[in-house]
């Protein structure tokens, strides 16, 4: 399944909420595969993001970070470029309907959309 890093980044919170739901073992296994795939991509994203921070952001003597005005456009452009990278996750979309009668916010459903299908 293909998606972009921005979709993975945006879905983190929603995935964490779903993982707190009791679910049948088969679905738990599939959601676990999603978490593993997502976490691998997020770790790589975070490494790249830290390199960009080190490249463009200054750290003062108090440990506070400051993005100088002259670096803002370049930093923001590279972050946008990073978030737009397409990745391949070794999984198929998950069926939310198999989780039963769970309560999920509209915001969470929108964030999960690239990773789920609903048979209802």
C-alpha atoms as a PDB file:
ATOM      1  CA  UNK A   1       0.000   0.000   0.000  1.00  0.00           C
ATOM      2  CA  UNK A   2       1.350   3.403  -0.990  1.00  0.00           C
ATOM      3  CA  UNK A   3       0.960   6.570   1.041  1.00  0.00           C
ATOM      4  CA  UNK A   4       2.932   9.717   1.785  1.00  0.00           C
ATOM      5  CA  UNK A   5       4.767  10.480   5.011  1.00  0.00           C
ATOM      6  CA  UNK A   6       2.350  13.292   5.800  1.00  0.00           C
ATOM      7  CA  UNK A   7      -0.514  10.779   5.953  1.00  0.00           C
ATOM      8  CA  UNK A   8       1.439   8.565   8.336  1.00  0.00           C
ATOM      9  CA  UNK A   9       2.442  11.523  10.483  1.00  0.00           C
ATOM     10  CA  UNK A  10      -1.158  12.775  10.657  1.00  0.00           C
ATOM     11  CA  UNK A  11      -2.522   9.332  11.599  1.00  0.00           C
ATOM     12  CA  UNK A  12      -0.286   8.707  14.629  1.00  0.00           C
ATOM     13  CA  UNK A  13      -2.763   9.868  17.260  1.00  0.00           C
ATOM     14  CA  UNK A  14      -5.738   8.107  15.675  1.00  0.00           C
ATOM     15  CA  UNK A  15      -3.818   4.833  15.415  1.00  0.00           C
ATOM     16  CA  UNK A  16      -2.857   5.072  19.087  1.00  0.00           C
ATOM     17  CA  UNK A  17      -6.537   5.512  20.018  1.00  0.00           C
ATOM     18  CA  UNK A  18      -7.606   2.485  17.965  1.00  0.00           C
ATOM     19  CA  UNK A  19      -4.921   0.368  19.617  1.00  0.00           C
ATOM     20  CA  UNK A  20      -6.592   0.930  23.000  1.00  0.00           C
ATOM     21  CA  UNK A  21      -9.770  -0.789  21.775  1.00  0.00           C
ATOM     22  CA  UNK A  22     -10.243  -4.462  22.640  1.00  0.00           C
ATOM     23  CA  UNK A  23     -10.446  -6.322  19.361  1.00  0.00           C
ATOM     24  CA  UNK A  24     -10.407  -9.880  18.043  1.00  0.00           C
ATOM     25  CA  UNK A  25      -6.945 -11.426  17.784  1.00  0.00           C
ATOM     26  CA  UNK A  26      -6.910 -11.397  13.967  1.00  0.00           C
ATOM     27  CA  UNK A  27      -7.636  -7.685  13.846  1.00  0.00           C
ATOM     28  CA  UNK A  28      -5.125  -7.002  16.645  1.00  0.00           C
ATOM     29  CA  UNK A  29      -2.483  -8.798  14.585  1.00  0.00           C
ATOM     30  CA  UNK A  30      -3.291  -6.723  11.489  1.00  0.00           C
ATOM     31  CA  UNK A  31      -3.274  -3.451  13.447  1.00  0.00           C
ATOM     32  CA  UNK A  32       0.047  -4.524  14.955  1.00  0.00           C
ATOM     33  CA  UNK A  33       1.470  -4.914  11.451  1.00  0.00           C
ATOM     34  CA  UNK A  34       0.269  -1.404  10.625  1.00  0.00           C
ATOM     35  CA  UNK A  35       1.902  -0.010  13.762  1.00  0.00           C
ATOM     36  CA  UNK A  36       5.193  -1.734  12.952  1.00  0.00           C
ATOM     37  CA  UNK A  37       5.200  -0.412   9.375  1.00  0.00           C
ATOM     38  CA  UNK A  38       4.182   3.089  10.441  1.00  0.00           C
ATOM     39  CA  UNK A  39       6.751   3.226  13.247  1.00  0.00           C
ATOM     40  CA  UNK A  40       9.571   2.272  10.865  1.00  0.00           C
ATOM     41  CA  UNK A  41       8.646   5.099   8.500  1.00  0.00           C
ATOM     42  CA  UNK A  42       8.169   7.567  11.358  1.00  0.00           C
ATOM     43  CA  UNK A  43      11.604   6.718  12.776  1.00  0.00           C
ATOM     44  CA  UNK A  44      13.210   7.455   9.431  1.00  0.00           C
ATOM     45  CA  UNK A  45      11.140  10.642   9.099  1.00  0.00           C
ATOM     46  CA  UNK A  46      12.250  11.760  12.559  1.00  0.00           C
ATOM     47  CA  UNK A  47      15.932  11.164  11.713  1.00  0.00           C
ATOM     48  CA  UNK A  48      15.591  13.322   8.606  1.00  0.00           C
ATOM     49  CA  UNK A  49      13.625  15.992  10.474  1.00  0.00           C
ATOM     50  CA  UNK A  50      16.338  16.202  13.140  1.00  0.00           C
ATOM     51  CA  UNK A  51      18.976  16.663  10.440  1.00  0.00           C
ATOM     52  CA  UNK A  52      16.957  19.546   9.016  1.00  0.00           C
ATOM     53  CA  UNK A  53      16.619  21.093  12.463  1.00  0.00           C
ATOM     54  CA  UNK A  54      20.381  20.824  12.977  1.00  0.00           C
ATOM     55  CA  UNK A  55      20.963  22.358   9.548  1.00  0.00           C
ATOM     56  CA  UNK A  56      18.602  25.336   9.834  1.00  0.00           C
ATOM     57  CA  UNK A  57      17.758  25.969  13.498  1.00  0.00           C
ATOM     58  CA  UNK A  58      19.955  27.683  16.073  1.00  0.00           C
ATOM     59  CA  UNK A  59      20.066  26.615  19.705  1.00  0.00           C
ATOM     60  CA  UNK A  60      20.809  29.297  22.296  1.00  0.00           C
ATOM     61  CA  UNK A  61      22.710  28.893  25.574  1.00  0.00           C
ATOM     62  CA  UNK A  62      19.437  28.120  27.411  1.00  0.00           C
ATOM     63  CA  UNK A  63      18.735  25.229  25.043  1.00  0.00           C
ATOM     64  CA  UNK A  64      15.887  27.018  23.268  1.00  0.00           C
ATOM     65  CA  UNK A  65      15.537  26.608  19.539  1.00  0.00           C
ATOM     66  CA  UNK A  66      15.251  29.544  17.145  1.00  0.00           C
ATOM     67  CA  UNK A  67      14.597  29.330  13.424  1.00  0.00           C
ATOM     68  CA  UNK A  68      16.271  32.399  11.921  1.00  0.00           C
ATOM     69  CA  UNK A  69      14.130  34.354   9.476  1.00  0.00           C
ATOM     70  CA  UNK A  70      16.640  33.796   6.656  1.00  0.00           C
ATOM     71  CA  UNK A  71      16.320  29.992   7.095  1.00  0.00           C
ATOM     72  CA  UNK A  72      12.525  29.733   7.373  1.00  0.00           C
ATOM     73  CA  UNK A  73      11.663  29.325   3.714  1.00  0.00           C
ATOM     74  CA  UNK A  74      14.378  26.746   3.085  1.00  0.00           C
ATOM     75  CA  UNK A  75      13.485  24.806   6.246  1.00  0.00           C
ATOM     76  CA  UNK A  76       9.755  24.829   5.491  1.00  0.00           C
ATOM     77  CA  UNK A  77      10.353  23.795   1.872  1.00  0.00           C
ATOM     78  CA  UNK A  78      12.514  20.842   2.912  1.00  0.00           C
ATOM     79  CA  UNK A  79      10.014  19.759   5.583  1.00  0.00           C
ATOM     80  CA  UNK A  80       7.202  19.896   3.000  1.00  0.00           C
ATOM     81  CA  UNK A  81       9.363  17.909   0.586  1.00  0.00           C
ATOM     82  CA  UNK A  82      10.066  15.328   3.304  1.00  0.00           C
ATOM     83  CA  UNK A  83       6.376  14.991   4.209  1.00  0.00           C
ATOM     84  CA  UNK A  84       5.494  14.501   0.523  1.00  0.00           C
ATOM     85  CA  UNK A  85       7.736  11.449   0.103  1.00  0.00           C
ATOM     86  CA  UNK A  86       5.758   8.431  -1.031  1.00  0.00           C
ATOM     87  CA  UNK A  87       6.409   5.200   0.860  1.00  0.00           C
ATOM     88  CA  UNK A  88       5.242   1.640   0.456  1.00  0.00           C
ATOM     89  CA  UNK A  89       3.759  -0.065   3.525  1.00  0.00           C
ATOM     90  CA  UNK A  90       3.687  -3.850   3.538  1.00  0.00           C
ATOM     91  CA  UNK A  91       0.017  -4.178   4.420  1.00  0.00           C
ATOM     92  CA  UNK A  92      -3.495  -4.058   3.045  1.00  0.00           C
ATOM     93  CA  UNK A  93      -6.102  -1.550   4.235  1.00  0.00           C
ATOM     94  CA  UNK A  94      -7.775  -2.595   7.486  1.00  0.00           C
ATOM     95  CA  UNK A  95     -11.519  -3.075   7.863  1.00  0.00           C
ATOM     96  CA  UNK A  96     -12.860  -0.775  10.605  1.00  0.00           C
ATOM     97  CA  UNK A  97     -16.213  -2.574  10.623  1.00  0.00           C
ATOM     98  CA  UNK A  98     -14.511  -5.656  12.111  1.00  0.00           C
ATOM     99  CA  UNK A  99     -13.789  -3.690  15.282  1.00  0.00           C
ATOM    100  CA  UNK A 100     -17.462  -3.617  16.213  1.00  0.00           C
ATOM    101  CA  UNK A 101     -19.234  -0.625  17.663  1.00  0.00           C
ATOM    102  CA  UNK A 102     -16.315   1.662  18.442  1.00  0.00           C
ATOM    103  CA  UNK A 103     -16.507   5.407  18.828  1.00  0.00           C
ATOM    104  CA  UNK A 104     -14.122   7.315  16.563  1.00  0.00           C
ATOM    105  CA  UNK A 105     -14.073  11.049  15.924  1.00  0.00           C
ATOM    106  CA  UNK A 106     -14.436  12.499  12.442  1.00  0.00           C
ATOM    107  CA  UNK A 107     -10.891  13.871  12.717  1.00  0.00           C
ATOM    108  CA  UNK A 108      -9.561  10.398  13.525  1.00  0.00           C
ATOM    109  CA  UNK A 109     -11.502   8.795  10.667  1.00  0.00           C
ATOM    110  CA  UNK A 110     -10.069  11.365   8.262  1.00  0.00           C
ATOM    111  CA  UNK A 111      -6.543  10.667   9.518  1.00  0.00           C
ATOM    112  CA  UNK A 112      -7.047   6.889   9.246  1.00  0.00           C
ATOM    113  CA  UNK A 113      -8.621   7.041   5.784  1.00  0.00           C
ATOM    114  CA  UNK A 114      -5.497   5.978   3.833  1.00  0.00           C
ATOM    115  CA  UNK A 115      -5.138   2.870   5.992  1.00  0.00           C
ATOM    116  CA  UNK A 116      -8.692   1.571   6.371  1.00  0.00           C
ATOM    117  CA  UNK A 117     -11.734   0.437   4.470  1.00  0.00           C
ATOM    118  CA  UNK A 118     -15.256   0.068   5.777  1.00  0.00           C
ATOM    119  CA  UNK A 119     -17.560  -2.649   4.590  1.00  0.00           C
ATOM    120  CA  UNK A 120     -20.689  -0.911   5.990  1.00  0.00           C
END
